[in-house]
Amino acid sequence: MFTEHLTTMFLLGPIGLPEWIMIILAALLIFGGRRLGDIGRGLGEGIKNFKTAVSGKEEKSIEGEEKPKTQS
């Protein structure tokens, strides 16, 4: 059973450039350009916040003062 799954996976092959283009075009048609920008911005901020939380670094505010760490 496991070998059948591997055979199917290798038969289909990896996702290439034409497939990525079709996926991006479909996403643009479904969500629109503005909504995709908002989704990308939100994902980027989430990843940034996650990395900051994992590393334990203090964030600096605009004035250059360190923000206090919040513990949950």
N, C-alpha and C. Protein backbone atom coordinates (compact mmCIF):
# COMPACT_ATOMS: atom_id res chain seq x y z
N MET A 1 0.82 -1.19 0.00
CA MET A 1 0.00 0.00 0.00
C MET A 1 0.87 1.26 0.00
N PHE A 2 1.92 1.26 0.83
CA PHE A 2 2.82 2.41 0.89
C PHE A 2 3.56 2.59 -0.43
N THR A 3 3.93 1.48 -1.07
CA THR A 3 4.65 1.59 -2.34
C THR A 3 3.75 2.14 -3.44
N GLU A 4 2.43 1.86 -3.35
CA GLU A 4 1.51 2.42 -4.34
C GLU A 4 1.46 3.93 -4.23
N HIS A 5 1.48 4.43 -3.00
CA HIS A 5 1.47 5.88 -2.78
C HIS A 5 2.74 6.51 -3.34
N LEU A 6 3.89 5.88 -3.10
CA LEU A 6 5.15 6.40 -3.62
C LEU A 6 5.16 6.38 -5.14
N THR A 7 4.62 5.32 -5.73
CA THR A 7 4.59 5.23 -7.18
C THR A 7 3.72 6.35 -7.76
N THR A 8 2.58 6.62 -7.14
CA THR A 8 1.71 7.69 -7.61
C THR A 8 2.40 9.03 -7.47
N MET A 9 3.09 9.24 -6.37
CA MET A 9 3.77 10.52 -6.14
C MET A 9 4.85 10.75 -7.20
N PHE A 10 5.62 9.72 -7.50
CA PHE A 10 6.69 9.87 -8.49
C PHE A 10 6.15 9.93 -9.90
N LEU A 11 4.99 9.34 -10.12
CA LEU A 11 4.38 9.37 -11.44
C LEU A 11 3.92 10.79 -11.77
N LEU A 12 3.35 11.48 -10.78
CA LEU A 12 2.88 12.84 -11.01
C LEU A 12 4.04 13.84 -11.06
N GLY A 13 5.08 13.60 -10.30
CA GLY A 13 6.25 14.45 -10.32
C GLY A 13 6.07 15.71 -9.49
N PRO A 14 7.14 16.49 -9.41
CA PRO A 14 7.08 17.72 -8.61
C PRO A 14 6.29 18.81 -9.34
N ILE A 15 5.90 19.82 -8.60
CA ILE A 15 5.18 20.95 -9.20
C ILE A 15 6.19 21.83 -9.92
N GLY A 16 5.97 22.05 -11.19
CA GLY A 16 6.88 22.85 -12.00
C GLY A 16 6.37 24.27 -12.19
N LEU A 17 7.07 25.02 -13.00
CA LEU A 17 6.73 26.42 -13.26
C LEU A 17 5.34 26.60 -13.86
N PRO A 18 4.94 25.82 -14.85
CA PRO A 18 3.58 26.01 -15.39
C PRO A 18 2.49 25.79 -14.35
N GLU A 19 2.69 24.81 -13.47
CA GLU A 19 1.71 24.54 -12.43
C GLU A 19 1.63 25.70 -11.44
N TRP A 20 2.79 26.27 -11.06
CA TRP A 20 2.81 27.42 -10.14
C TRP A 20 2.11 28.62 -10.76
N ILE A 21 2.32 28.83 -12.05
CA ILE A 21 1.67 29.95 -12.73
C ILE A 21 0.15 29.77 -12.71
N MET A 22 -0.33 28.56 -12.95
CA MET A 22 -1.76 28.30 -12.91
C MET A 22 -2.33 28.49 -11.50
N ILE A 23 -1.59 28.08 -10.48
CA ILE A 23 -2.04 28.25 -9.10
C ILE A 23 -2.14 29.74 -8.75
N ILE A 24 -1.12 30.51 -9.16
CA ILE A 24 -1.12 31.95 -8.88
C ILE A 24 -2.26 32.65 -9.62
N LEU A 25 -2.47 32.29 -10.87
CA LEU A 25 -3.57 32.90 -11.62
C LEU A 25 -4.93 32.55 -11.01
N ALA A 26 -5.10 31.32 -10.58
CA ALA A 26 -6.35 30.92 -9.95
C ALA A 26 -6.57 31.71 -8.65
N ALA A 27 -5.51 31.88 -7.87
CA ALA A 27 -5.61 32.65 -6.62
C ALA A 27 -5.96 34.10 -6.91
N LEU A 28 -5.38 34.67 -7.96
CA LEU A 28 -5.71 36.06 -8.33
C LEU A 28 -7.17 36.18 -8.75
N LEU A 29 -7.66 35.21 -9.49
CA LEU A 29 -9.07 35.26 -9.90
C LEU A 29 -10.02 35.10 -8.72
N ILE A 30 -9.65 34.26 -7.77
CA ILE A 30 -10.53 34.00 -6.62
C ILE A 30 -10.50 35.16 -5.63
N PHE A 31 -9.31 35.61 -5.25
CA PHE A 31 -9.19 36.60 -4.18
C PHE A 31 -9.02 38.03 -4.67
N GLY A 32 -8.44 38.23 -5.83
CA GLY A 32 -8.16 39.57 -6.32
C GLY A 32 -6.81 40.06 -5.81
N GLY A 33 -6.26 41.05 -6.47
CA GLY A 33 -4.92 41.54 -6.15
C GLY A 33 -4.81 42.18 -4.77
N ARG A 34 -5.78 42.99 -4.40
CA ARG A 34 -5.72 43.68 -3.10
C ARG A 34 -5.81 42.68 -1.96
N ARG A 35 -6.70 41.72 -2.09
CA ARG A 35 -6.88 40.73 -1.02
C ARG A 35 -5.63 39.86 -0.89
N LEU A 36 -5.01 39.49 -2.01
CA LEU A 36 -3.77 38.69 -1.94
C LEU A 36 -2.66 39.48 -1.26
N GLY A 37 -2.60 40.79 -1.51
CA GLY A 37 -1.61 41.63 -0.85
C GLY A 37 -1.82 41.66 0.66
N ASP A 38 -3.09 41.76 1.06
CA ASP A 38 -3.41 41.75 2.48
C ASP A 38 -3.05 40.41 3.12
N ILE A 39 -3.33 39.32 2.41
CA ILE A 39 -3.00 37.99 2.92
C ILE A 39 -1.49 37.84 3.07
N GLY A 40 -0.74 38.26 2.06
CA GLY A 40 0.72 38.19 2.11
C GLY A 40 1.31 39.03 3.23
N ARG A 41 0.77 40.24 3.40
CA ARG A 41 1.23 41.13 4.46
C ARG A 41 0.96 40.50 5.83
N GLY A 42 -0.22 39.94 5.99
CA GLY A 42 -0.58 39.30 7.25
C GLY A 42 0.30 38.10 7.56
N LEU A 43 0.58 37.29 6.53
CA LEU A 43 1.47 36.14 6.72
C LEU A 43 2.89 36.60 7.08
N GLY A 44 3.36 37.64 6.42
CA GLY A 44 4.70 38.15 6.71
C GLY A 44 4.81 38.68 8.13
N GLU A 45 3.80 39.43 8.58
CA GLU A 45 3.82 39.95 9.95
C GLU A 45 3.73 38.81 10.96
N GLY A 46 2.94 37.79 10.65
CA GLY A 46 2.83 36.65 11.55
C GLY A 46 4.14 35.90 11.68
N ILE A 47 4.82 35.70 10.56
CA ILE A 47 6.12 35.01 10.60
C ILE A 47 7.14 35.85 11.37
N LYS A 48 7.13 37.16 11.14
CA LYS A 48 8.05 38.05 11.85
C LYS A 48 7.80 38.01 13.35
N ASN A 49 6.54 38.08 13.75
CA ASN A 49 6.20 38.02 15.17
C ASN A 49 6.59 36.68 15.79
N PHE A 50 6.39 35.61 15.04
CA PHE A 50 6.77 34.28 15.53
C PHE A 50 8.27 34.18 15.74
N LYS A 51 9.04 34.65 14.76
CA LYS A 51 10.50 34.61 14.89
C LYS A 51 10.97 35.45 16.07
N THR A 52 10.37 36.62 16.26
CA THR A 52 10.73 37.48 17.38
C THR A 52 10.41 36.80 18.70
N ALA A 53 9.25 36.15 18.78
CA ALA A 53 8.86 35.48 20.01
C ALA A 53 9.77 34.28 20.30
N VAL A 54 10.16 33.55 19.27
CA VAL A 54 11.01 32.38 19.47
C VAL A 54 12.42 32.81 19.88
N SER A 55 12.94 33.86 19.26
CA SER A 55 14.30 34.29 19.57
C SER A 55 14.38 35.01 20.90
N GLY A 56 13.27 35.58 21.39
CA GLY A 56 13.24 36.27 22.66
C GLY A 56 13.87 37.64 22.63
N LYS A 57 14.06 38.21 21.45
CA LYS A 57 14.65 39.54 21.34
C LYS A 57 13.62 40.59 21.71
N GLU A 58 14.10 41.68 22.29
CA GLU A 58 13.24 42.81 22.62
C GLU A 58 13.02 43.64 21.36
N GLU A 59 11.79 44.08 21.16
CA GLU A 59 11.51 44.97 20.03
C GLU A 59 11.77 46.40 20.44
N LYS A 60 12.21 47.19 19.50
CA LYS A 60 12.42 48.62 19.77
C LYS A 60 11.30 49.41 19.13
N SER A 61 10.82 50.39 19.85
CA SER A 61 9.74 51.22 19.32
C SER A 61 10.34 52.28 18.39
N ILE A 62 9.50 53.11 17.85
CA ILE A 62 9.93 54.14 16.92
C ILE A 62 10.89 55.12 17.59
N GLU A 63 10.65 55.45 18.86
CA GLU A 63 11.51 56.40 19.56
C GLU A 63 12.84 55.79 19.99
N GLY A 64 12.99 54.49 19.83
CA GLY A 64 14.24 53.84 20.21
C GLY A 64 14.19 53.25 21.61
N GLU A 65 13.06 53.38 22.32
CA GLU A 65 12.93 52.79 23.64
C GLU A 65 12.57 51.32 23.47
N GLU A 66 13.08 50.50 24.38
CA GLU A 66 12.74 49.09 24.30
C GLU A 66 11.35 48.87 24.86
N LYS A 67 10.59 48.06 24.17
CA LYS A 67 9.27 47.71 24.64
C LYS A 67 9.43 46.63 25.70
N PRO A 68 8.64 46.67 26.74
CA PRO A 68 8.73 45.62 27.75
C PRO A 68 8.23 44.29 27.19
N LYS A 69 8.87 43.22 27.59
CA LYS A 69 8.45 41.91 27.16
C LYS A 69 7.17 41.52 27.89
N THR A 70 6.23 40.98 27.17
CA THR A 70 5.01 40.54 27.81
C THR A 70 5.07 39.03 27.94
N GLN A 71 4.67 38.54 29.09
CA GLN A 71 4.66 37.10 29.31
C GLN A 71 3.21 36.65 29.38
N SER A 72 2.96 35.54 28.73
CA SER A 72 1.59 35.04 28.75
C SER A 72 1.51 33.73 29.47
